[in-house]
Amino acid sequence: MDDAAALLPAEIIRTKRDGQALSAPQIEAFAEGLADPAGKGSWSEGQAAALAMAIFWRGMSRDETVALTRAFVGTGEVLRWDAAGLGDGHGPVIDKHSTGGVGDKVSLMLAPMLATCGAVVPMVSGRGLGHTGGTLDKLEALPGYAVLPSRATLLATLRTAGCAIVGASSELAPADRRLYAIRDVTATIESLPLITASILSKKLAAGLQALVLDVKLGSGAFMRTLPEARALAISLVQVAQGAGLPAVALITDMDRLLGHTAGNALELHEAIQFLTGREQEPRLLALTLALGAEALCLAGVAPDLAAATAKLRRALDGGEAAERFARMVVSLGGPADVLSYVPPPAPVQQPVAAPRAGVIKAVDVRALGLAVVTLGGGRRTPSDALDARVGLAQVLAPGREVAAGEALAVVHAADGAAAAVAAQAVMAAYSIGDEAVPQPALLRGRVAA
């Protein structure tokens, strides 16, 4: 086969389908085909889905994944902050990324906390994927908040607040942008190399100097077992290192909800309550501090984890992190009174009563995430509109004693029929027994280069 024929979509798909390694030119041809300026690309959606499925089943080597990541980056713009007008002497450009969890609102608190500690945080975030919520979807519950600001607005926000939680513009890794939407509806989300390339291409395009990764493990995560989660953490750190980006990954528990809420406006409200010191659920606080401390140490802002944690606590307890969050929101078009934000009430709020007294042994967190999707708080297709009001509140965690009839969670729904369906799903997600069972630790592992 000549070189030109090897670059045809069908031949690239066949190569991976048959378990062979893709060459760098084949990977570049795939990325370039996805990122066609006309928006359709020389690869059809069917062909892209076929290759995604072939990669899902056959995998990719580390070298292939590095090549795919670099190819995605090469289809768009790479931000250069030293020449972007941030001013002399700005802090290190750092970020955090989570592989996706139900109720995961850590980014909303961590970005302003890191900024308060002297970092610059252009946090390129995503929307909900499968059963997990998206940071951008939460922020869009705020009237006027621009998740895709102009370059001038982005720079002004970083100068004003030190952080900006925004989406990837069409100029950043556009090939991944198209494939991401296809993966969401073709059951290829969990592919290790595709997750790795998707995450890191946007982070590399954002011009970072350090990255901390939160790899979720458990019933609410895409990685259900420790070996799977560790394999992803190793892939992310090694591929980042291969592309010149210092990174560290923490493997963290997702066998329970993060915090007490799941749903866009409800989670945003919980994050603001956290920043203002009104309520800080212990595990949510511990995870935020752990990820932040790793980021500050990796970037050289703090000499060790203890010193980094102390800096983050001062940023939070002194109120400056909340103030920076408010400045970020205002600069990006959101309301000036964001620290007093109250979520819009859902028309129906239905408690889910425990069927018996006992101890909550386990919760199927993925089922809770899917319940939010069925309520309209997540997407079945990329074009679905979201209802920011809906979701789950006051969600009880494993290990908690409950009385018969006590609320396991409160469903926030648009109507009674939707509430009834979600309540049934929530009830089925809970396992209640007579005795407590051991619960997994929050931090399950760490991977560094």
Protein backbone atom coordinates (compact mmCIF):
# COMPACT_ATOMS: atom_id res chain seq x y z
CA MET A 1 0.00 0.00 0.00
CA ASP A 2 1.39 3.42 -0.93
CA ASP A 3 1.68 6.24 1.61
CA ALA A 4 -1.30 8.17 0.25
CA ALA A 5 -3.61 5.16 0.48
CA ALA A 6 -2.51 4.51 4.07
CA LEU A 7 -3.85 7.95 5.01
CA LEU A 8 -7.38 7.31 3.75
CA PRO A 9 -9.97 7.17 6.57
CA ALA A 10 -11.01 3.59 5.78
CA GLU A 11 -7.41 2.39 5.86
CA ILE A 12 -6.69 4.15 9.14
CA ILE A 13 -9.80 2.58 10.67
CA ARG A 14 -8.83 -0.83 9.29
CA THR A 15 -5.30 -0.53 10.68
CA LYS A 16 -6.52 0.07 14.21
CA ARG A 17 -9.43 -2.35 13.87
CA ASP A 18 -6.89 -5.08 13.14
CA GLY A 19 -4.86 -4.20 16.22
CA GLN A 20 -1.92 -2.49 14.53
CA ALA A 21 -0.24 0.71 15.67
CA LEU A 22 -1.12 3.89 13.80
CA SER A 23 1.76 5.86 12.38
CA ALA A 24 2.28 9.51 13.23
CA PRO A 25 1.17 10.56 9.70
CA GLN A 26 -2.03 8.50 10.06
CA ILE A 27 -2.78 10.10 13.43
CA GLU A 28 -2.11 13.56 12.03
CA ALA A 29 -4.39 12.85 9.06
CA PHE A 30 -7.17 11.81 11.44
CA ALA A 31 -6.78 14.98 13.54
CA GLU A 32 -6.62 17.24 10.50
CA GLY A 33 -9.70 15.58 9.02
CA LEU A 34 -11.66 16.18 12.22
CA ALA A 35 -10.64 19.84 12.34
CA ASP A 36 -11.65 20.84 8.82
CA PRO A 37 -12.36 24.60 8.85
CA ALA A 38 -15.70 24.07 7.11
CA GLY A 39 -16.93 22.27 10.20
CA LYS A 40 -17.66 18.95 8.50
CA GLY A 41 -14.14 17.65 8.01
CA SER A 42 -12.82 15.11 5.58
CA TRP A 43 -13.85 12.51 8.16
CA SER A 44 -17.55 11.86 8.51
CA GLU A 45 -19.09 11.39 11.96
CA GLY A 46 -19.55 7.72 11.16
CA GLN A 47 -15.88 7.28 10.29
CA ALA A 48 -14.76 9.16 13.41
CA ALA A 49 -17.06 7.03 15.54
CA ALA A 50 -15.70 3.86 13.91
CA LEU A 51 -12.10 4.79 14.69
CA ALA A 52 -13.06 5.80 18.23
CA MET A 53 -14.62 2.38 18.73
CA ALA A 54 -11.58 0.65 17.23
CA ILE A 55 -9.34 2.56 19.63
CA PHE A 56 -11.70 1.71 22.48
CA TRP A 57 -11.26 -2.01 21.80
CA ARG A 58 -7.68 -2.13 20.54
CA GLY A 59 -6.10 0.64 22.61
CA MET A 60 -3.07 2.77 21.77
CA SER A 61 0.53 2.64 22.88
CA ARG A 62 2.09 5.48 24.87
CA ASP A 63 3.82 6.74 21.71
CA GLU A 64 0.55 6.66 19.76
CA THR A 65 -1.22 8.55 22.55
CA VAL A 66 1.53 11.19 22.70
CA ALA A 67 1.24 11.56 18.92
CA LEU A 68 -2.55 11.85 19.11
CA THR A 69 -2.33 14.47 21.85
CA ARG A 70 0.21 16.51 19.91
CA ALA A 71 -1.83 16.16 16.71
CA PHE A 72 -4.93 17.51 18.48
CA VAL A 73 -2.92 20.44 19.83
CA GLY A 74 -1.49 21.09 16.37
CA THR A 75 -4.94 21.57 14.82
CA GLY A 76 -5.42 24.85 16.68
CA GLU A 77 -3.92 27.70 18.61
CA VAL A 78 -1.49 27.39 21.54
CA LEU A 79 -1.71 30.20 24.11
CA ARG A 80 1.51 31.96 25.05
CA TRP A 81 0.97 33.82 28.29
CA ASP A 82 4.32 35.61 28.51
CA ALA A 83 3.46 37.43 25.30
CA ALA A 84 -0.26 37.77 26.03
CA GLY A 85 -0.19 40.90 28.17
CA LEU A 86 -0.54 39.52 31.68
CA GLY A 87 2.24 41.80 32.83
CA ASP A 88 5.70 41.20 34.25
CA GLY A 89 6.24 38.85 37.13
CA HIS A 90 2.97 36.94 36.95
CA GLY A 91 2.83 33.67 38.84
CA PRO A 92 3.08 30.20 37.35
CA VAL A 93 0.28 29.18 34.99
CA ILE A 94 -1.32 26.09 36.52
CA ASP A 95 -4.55 24.12 36.32
CA LYS A 96 -6.42 21.11 37.66
CA HIS A 97 -8.53 18.59 35.78
CA SER A 98 -10.96 15.93 36.98
CA THR A 99 -11.83 12.87 34.93
CA GLY A 100 -15.47 13.38 35.89
CA GLY A 101 -17.51 12.76 38.98
CA VAL A 102 -21.06 13.18 40.20
CA GLY A 103 -21.39 16.30 42.33
CA ASP A 104 -17.80 17.34 41.56
CA LYS A 105 -17.71 21.10 42.01
CA VAL A 106 -14.07 21.30 43.16
CA SER A 107 -12.96 23.49 40.23
CA LEU A 108 -15.30 26.27 41.31
CA MET A 109 -13.50 26.60 44.64
CA LEU A 110 -9.99 25.56 43.72
CA ALA A 111 -9.38 28.04 40.89
CA PRO A 112 -9.83 31.16 43.08
CA MET A 113 -7.95 29.49 45.96
CA LEU A 114 -4.94 28.85 43.73
CA ALA A 115 -5.13 32.37 42.35
CA THR A 116 -5.11 33.79 45.87
CA CYS A 117 -1.90 31.83 46.49
CA GLY A 118 -0.15 33.57 43.58
CA ALA A 119 -0.85 31.33 40.60
CA VAL A 120 -2.48 32.25 37.30
CA VAL A 121 -5.29 29.78 36.56
CA PRO A 122 -6.77 29.77 33.04
CA MET A 123 -8.98 26.76 33.81
CA VAL A 124 -10.23 25.27 30.55
CA SER A 125 -13.24 23.22 31.60
CA GLY A 126 -15.84 21.07 29.91
CA ARG A 127 -19.52 20.26 29.89
CA GLY A 128 -21.23 17.22 31.29
CA LEU A 129 -20.16 13.90 29.81
CA GLY A 130 -22.35 10.82 30.25
CA HIS A 131 -23.56 10.60 33.85
CA THR A 132 -21.13 13.23 35.16
CA GLY A 133 -21.76 16.95 35.46
CA GLY A 134 -19.77 19.69 33.73
CA THR A 135 -18.18 22.76 35.32
CA LEU A 136 -19.31 25.02 32.47
CA ASP A 137 -22.90 23.85 32.85
CA LYS A 138 -22.81 24.84 36.52
CA LEU A 139 -21.43 28.31 35.78
CA GLU A 140 -24.00 28.90 33.05
CA ALA A 141 -26.64 28.78 35.78
CA LEU A 142 -25.40 32.33 36.49
CA PRO A 143 -27.16 34.92 34.29
CA GLY A 144 -24.73 36.46 31.82
CA TYR A 145 -21.68 34.33 32.61
CA ALA A 146 -19.65 33.97 29.39
CA VAL A 147 -17.94 30.59 29.15
CA LEU A 148 -16.38 31.53 25.79
CA PRO A 149 -15.09 35.07 26.32
CA SER A 150 -13.05 37.11 23.88
CA ARG A 151 -9.27 37.04 24.29
CA ALA A 152 -9.38 40.58 25.69
CA THR A 153 -12.00 39.63 28.28
CA LEU A 154 -10.08 36.49 29.25
CA LEU A 155 -6.88 38.46 29.82
CA ALA A 156 -8.73 41.16 31.75
CA THR A 157 -10.28 38.49 33.97
CA LEU A 158 -6.92 36.88 34.67
CA ARG A 159 -5.44 40.26 35.58
CA THR A 160 -8.40 41.10 37.82
CA ALA A 161 -9.03 37.78 39.54
CA GLY A 162 -6.03 35.60 38.74
CA CYS A 163 -8.35 32.86 37.46
CA ALA A 164 -10.88 32.32 34.69
CA ILE A 165 -12.99 29.19 34.37
CA VAL A 166 -13.91 29.03 30.71
CA GLY A 167 -14.51 26.60 27.88
CA ALA A 168 -12.11 25.64 25.15
CA SER A 169 -12.57 28.06 22.29
CA SER A 170 -12.95 26.73 18.78
CA GLU A 171 -9.29 27.64 18.23
CA LEU A 172 -8.01 25.31 20.97
CA ALA A 173 -7.60 21.66 19.86
CA PRO A 174 -10.60 21.78 17.48
CA ALA A 175 -10.07 18.15 16.45
CA ASP A 176 -10.68 17.00 20.00
CA ARG A 177 -13.67 19.33 20.29
CA ARG A 178 -15.42 17.44 17.49
CA LEU A 179 -14.41 13.98 18.65
CA TYR A 180 -15.46 14.75 22.24
CA ALA A 181 -19.06 15.29 21.12
CA ILE A 182 -19.02 12.07 19.10
CA ARG A 183 -17.63 10.03 22.00
CA ASP A 184 -20.38 11.26 24.30
CA VAL A 185 -23.08 9.55 22.21
CA THR A 186 -21.23 6.46 20.92
CA ALA A 187 -20.27 4.66 24.17
CA THR A 188 -16.57 5.38 23.68
CA ILE A 189 -16.14 7.74 26.62
CA GLU A 190 -14.12 5.29 28.72
CA SER A 191 -11.27 4.76 26.24
CA LEU A 192 -8.00 5.38 28.10
CA PRO A 193 -6.01 6.88 25.19
CA LEU A 194 -8.93 9.01 24.03
CA ILE A 195 -9.50 10.35 27.55
CA THR A 196 -5.78 11.08 27.85
CA ALA A 197 -5.49 12.86 24.52
CA SER A 198 -8.71 14.80 25.07
CA ILE A 199 -7.69 16.11 28.48
CA LEU A 200 -4.08 16.88 27.71
CA SER A 201 -4.55 18.43 24.28
CA LYS A 202 -6.66 21.23 25.75
CA LYS A 203 -4.30 21.67 28.70
CA LEU A 204 -1.22 21.83 26.46
CA ALA A 205 -2.99 24.29 24.17
CA ALA A 206 -3.74 26.45 27.21
CA GLY A 207 -0.02 27.02 27.74
CA LEU A 208 0.22 25.53 31.24
CA GLN A 209 3.38 25.16 33.30
CA ALA A 210 1.96 22.58 35.74
CA LEU A 211 -1.12 20.36 35.92
CA VAL A 212 -2.70 18.34 38.72
CA LEU A 213 -5.11 15.58 37.74
CA ASP A 214 -7.97 14.11 39.75
CA VAL A 215 -8.60 10.59 38.50
CA LYS A 216 -11.90 9.35 39.88
CA LEU A 217 -12.45 5.77 41.00
CA GLY A 218 -15.65 3.97 41.92
CA SER A 219 -19.33 3.65 41.11
CA GLY A 220 -19.70 7.26 40.01
CA ALA A 221 -16.53 7.32 37.90
CA PHE A 222 -15.67 6.17 34.40
CA MET A 223 -12.95 4.02 35.98
CA ARG A 224 -14.62 1.49 38.25
CA THR A 225 -11.58 -0.40 39.57
CA LEU A 226 -8.25 0.65 41.06
CA PRO A 227 -6.18 -0.96 38.26
CA GLU A 228 -8.22 0.94 35.65
CA ALA A 229 -7.87 4.24 37.50
CA ARG A 230 -4.17 3.74 38.07
CA ALA A 231 -3.66 2.91 34.38
CA LEU A 232 -5.36 6.18 33.42
CA ALA A 233 -3.37 8.16 35.98
CA ILE A 234 -0.12 6.70 34.67
CA SER A 235 -1.17 7.39 31.07
CA LEU A 236 -2.01 11.01 31.84
CA VAL A 237 1.18 11.71 33.75
CA GLN A 238 3.46 9.92 31.28
CA VAL A 239 1.89 11.49 28.19
CA ALA A 240 1.96 14.94 29.81
CA GLN A 241 5.61 14.41 30.69
CA GLY A 242 6.32 13.25 27.14
CA ALA A 243 4.78 16.47 25.85
CA GLY A 244 6.79 18.64 28.25
CA LEU A 245 4.10 19.40 30.85
CA PRO A 246 4.89 18.59 34.52
CA ALA A 247 1.94 16.73 36.02
CA VAL A 248 0.88 14.71 39.05
CA ALA A 249 -2.29 12.66 39.47
CA LEU A 250 -4.29 11.77 42.56
CA ILE A 251 -6.66 8.78 42.43
CA THR A 252 -9.72 9.71 44.47
CA ASP A 253 -12.87 7.97 45.66
CA MET A 254 -16.13 8.35 43.73
CA ASP A 255 -18.18 5.76 45.60
CA ARG A 256 -20.06 8.64 47.15
CA LEU A 257 -21.24 12.01 45.95
CA LEU A 258 -18.86 14.94 46.36
CA GLY A 259 -20.65 17.24 48.76
CA HIS A 260 -24.40 17.06 49.22
CA THR A 261 -25.74 18.10 45.79
CA ALA A 262 -25.84 17.02 42.14
CA GLY A 263 -27.31 19.38 39.56
CA ASN A 264 -26.03 22.58 38.06
CA ALA A 265 -27.59 25.40 40.10
CA LEU A 266 -27.60 23.30 43.27
CA GLU A 267 -23.88 22.55 42.96
CA LEU A 268 -23.06 26.17 42.18
CA HIS A 269 -24.86 27.20 45.36
CA GLU A 270 -22.96 24.60 47.40
CA ALA A 271 -19.65 25.86 45.97
CA ILE A 272 -20.47 29.44 46.94
CA GLN A 273 -21.50 28.30 50.41
CA PHE A 274 -18.12 26.57 50.62
CA LEU A 275 -16.13 29.64 49.52
CA THR A 276 -17.95 31.94 51.92
CA GLY A 277 -17.48 29.55 54.83
CA ARG A 278 -21.17 28.88 55.39
CA GLU A 279 -20.86 25.13 54.75
CA GLN A 280 -17.80 23.01 53.90
CA GLU A 281 -18.53 19.30 53.64
CA PRO A 282 -15.42 17.59 55.08
CA ARG A 283 -14.55 15.29 52.17
CA LEU A 284 -15.10 18.07 49.65
CA LEU A 285 -12.77 20.30 51.69
CA ALA A 286 -10.15 17.57 52.04
CA LEU A 287 -10.10 16.87 48.30
CA THR A 288 -9.92 20.55 47.35
CA LEU A 289 -6.97 21.08 49.69
CA ALA A 290 -5.18 17.93 48.53
CA LEU A 291 -5.40 18.83 44.84
CA GLY A 292 -4.47 22.44 45.50
CA ALA A 293 -1.45 21.51 47.57
CA GLU A 294 -0.13 19.22 44.84
CA ALA A 295 -0.55 21.99 42.26
CA LEU A 296 1.26 24.61 44.36
CA CYS A 297 4.17 22.26 45.06
CA LEU A 298 4.45 21.13 41.44
CA ALA A 299 4.61 24.77 40.31
CA GLY A 300 7.15 25.74 42.97
CA VAL A 301 4.79 28.08 44.83
CA ALA A 302 5.20 26.13 48.08
CA PRO A 303 8.11 23.99 49.33
CA ASP A 304 6.01 21.07 50.57
CA LEU A 305 2.44 19.84 50.93
CA ALA A 306 2.05 21.11 54.51
CA ALA A 307 3.07 24.64 53.57
CA ALA A 308 0.88 24.54 50.48
CA THR A 309 -2.13 23.38 52.48
CA ALA A 310 -1.61 26.19 54.99
CA LYS A 311 -1.54 28.76 52.16
CA LEU A 312 -4.77 27.38 50.74
CA ARG A 313 -6.49 27.43 54.14
CA ARG A 314 -5.55 31.09 54.60
CA ALA A 315 -6.89 31.90 51.13
CA LEU A 316 -10.18 30.22 51.98
CA ASP A 317 -10.62 31.21 55.61
CA GLY A 318 -9.62 34.83 55.03
CA GLY A 319 -12.30 35.33 52.39
CA GLU A 320 -9.97 36.34 49.56
CA ALA A 321 -10.73 33.22 47.52
CA ALA A 322 -14.45 34.08 47.63
CA GLU A 323 -13.65 37.66 46.58
CA ARG A 324 -11.57 36.44 43.64
CA PHE A 325 -14.38 34.11 42.57
CA ALA A 326 -16.77 37.09 42.63
CA ARG A 327 -14.33 39.22 40.59
CA MET A 328 -13.98 36.42 38.05
CA VAL A 329 -17.76 36.08 37.70
CA VAL A 330 -18.30 39.82 37.25
CA SER A 331 -15.46 40.12 34.74
CA LEU A 332 -17.01 37.31 32.69
CA GLY A 333 -20.45 38.94 32.66
CA GLY A 334 -22.08 37.33 35.69
CA PRO A 335 -23.98 39.02 38.55
CA ALA A 336 -22.23 41.32 40.99
CA ASP A 337 -24.03 39.75 43.96
CA VAL A 338 -22.88 36.21 43.15
CA LEU A 339 -21.74 35.51 46.72
CA SER A 340 -25.40 35.82 47.75
CA TYR A 341 -26.54 33.49 44.98
CA VAL A 342 -29.68 31.44 45.64
CA PRO A 343 -30.52 28.75 43.09
CA PRO A 344 -33.76 29.16 41.15
CA PRO A 345 -36.36 26.90 42.77
CA ALA A 346 -37.50 23.83 40.89
CA PRO A 347 -41.32 23.56 40.63
CA VAL A 348 -41.32 20.18 42.44
CA GLN A 349 -39.13 19.20 45.41
CA GLN A 350 -39.78 15.63 46.48
CA PRO A 351 -37.99 13.85 49.35
CA VAL A 352 -37.01 10.21 48.77
CA ALA A 353 -37.92 8.38 51.98
CA ALA A 354 -35.73 5.58 53.34
CA PRO A 355 -37.75 2.34 53.19
CA ARG A 356 -36.37 1.11 56.53
CA ALA A 357 -34.17 2.10 59.43
CA GLY A 358 -30.51 1.10 59.31
CA VAL A 359 -27.12 2.16 58.00
CA ILE A 360 -26.44 3.18 54.42
CA LYS A 361 -24.05 0.48 53.19
CA ALA A 362 -23.47 1.72 49.65
CA VAL A 363 -24.78 4.12 47.02
CA ASP A 364 -24.69 3.59 43.26
CA VAL A 365 -23.36 7.05 42.44
CA ARG A 366 -23.60 6.50 38.69
CA ALA A 367 -27.34 5.89 39.15
CA LEU A 368 -27.61 9.23 40.94
CA GLY A 369 -25.86 10.93 38.05
CA LEU A 370 -28.17 9.30 35.54
CA ALA A 371 -31.16 10.40 37.62
CA VAL A 372 -29.98 13.99 37.21
CA VAL A 373 -29.72 13.41 33.44
CA THR A 374 -33.29 12.08 33.29
CA LEU A 375 -34.48 15.16 35.16
CA GLY A 376 -33.01 17.37 32.43
CA GLY A 377 -29.84 18.33 34.27
CA GLY A 378 -27.61 16.43 31.84
CA ARG A 379 -27.51 15.62 28.14
CA ARG A 380 -28.58 12.56 26.20
CA THR A 381 -27.38 14.19 22.96
CA PRO A 382 -24.91 17.07 22.51
CA SER A 383 -27.68 19.47 21.44
CA ASP A 384 -29.89 18.93 24.52
CA ALA A 385 -30.78 22.06 26.49
CA LEU A 386 -30.31 21.81 30.26
CA ASP A 387 -32.61 22.79 33.09
CA ALA A 388 -30.28 24.34 35.69
CA ARG A 389 -32.92 24.06 38.43
CA VAL A 390 -33.15 20.31 38.58
CA GLY A 391 -31.04 17.79 40.46
CA LEU A 392 -30.57 16.19 43.86
CA ALA A 393 -30.02 17.95 47.19
CA GLN A 394 -29.38 16.84 50.76
CA VAL A 395 -27.96 13.57 49.47
CA LEU A 396 -26.95 11.21 52.27
CA ALA A 397 -23.65 9.32 52.08
CA PRO A 398 -22.64 5.75 52.90
CA GLY A 399 -22.04 5.10 56.59
CA ARG A 400 -24.93 7.33 57.67
CA GLU A 401 -27.58 5.93 60.02
CA VAL A 402 -31.12 6.61 58.83
CA ALA A 403 -34.59 6.24 60.30
CA ALA A 404 -37.46 4.77 58.34
CA GLY A 405 -39.03 7.53 56.27
CA GLU A 406 -36.04 9.86 56.59
CA ALA A 407 -35.07 11.58 53.33
CA LEU A 408 -32.17 9.92 51.52
CA ALA A 409 -32.17 12.86 49.11
CA VAL A 410 -34.51 15.55 47.83
CA VAL A 411 -35.35 15.47 44.12
CA HIS A 412 -35.66 18.88 42.43
CA ALA A 413 -37.73 18.42 39.27
CA ALA A 414 -39.61 20.35 36.62
CA ASP A 415 -42.82 18.38 37.20
CA GLY A 416 -44.31 15.60 39.29
CA ALA A 417 -43.88 12.87 36.68
CA ALA A 418 -40.15 13.56 36.33
CA ALA A 419 -39.79 13.71 40.11
CA ALA A 420 -41.46 10.31 40.51
CA VAL A 421 -39.12 8.65 37.98
CA ALA A 422 -36.03 10.19 39.57
CA ALA A 423 -37.18 9.31 43.09
CA GLN A 424 -37.54 5.67 42.09
CA ALA A 425 -34.01 5.69 40.62
CA VAL A 426 -32.59 7.28 43.76
CA MET A 427 -34.33 4.73 45.99
CA ALA A 428 -32.88 1.88 43.92
CA ALA A 429 -29.37 3.38 44.20
CA TYR A 430 -29.29 2.99 48.00
CA SER A 431 -28.39 -0.14 49.91
CA ILE A 432 -29.38 -0.08 53.61
CA GLY A 433 -28.32 -2.71 56.13
CA ASP A 434 -28.20 -3.30 59.85
CA GLU A 435 -24.50 -2.67 60.39
CA ALA A 436 -21.95 -0.23 59.03
CA VAL A 437 -19.43 -1.53 56.50
CA PRO A 438 -15.91 -0.15 55.91
CA GLN A 439 -15.83 2.81 53.54
CA PRO A 440 -13.00 3.51 51.07
CA ALA A 441 -10.52 6.28 51.79
CA LEU A 442 -10.84 9.54 49.89
CA LEU A 443 -7.31 9.35 48.47
CA ARG A 444 -6.63 6.01 46.82
CA GLY A 445 -3.28 6.64 45.14
CA ARG A 446 -0.80 9.12 43.69
CA VAL A 447 1.14 9.03 40.42
CA ALA A 448 4.03 11.35 39.60
CA ALA A 449 6.69 11.33 36.89
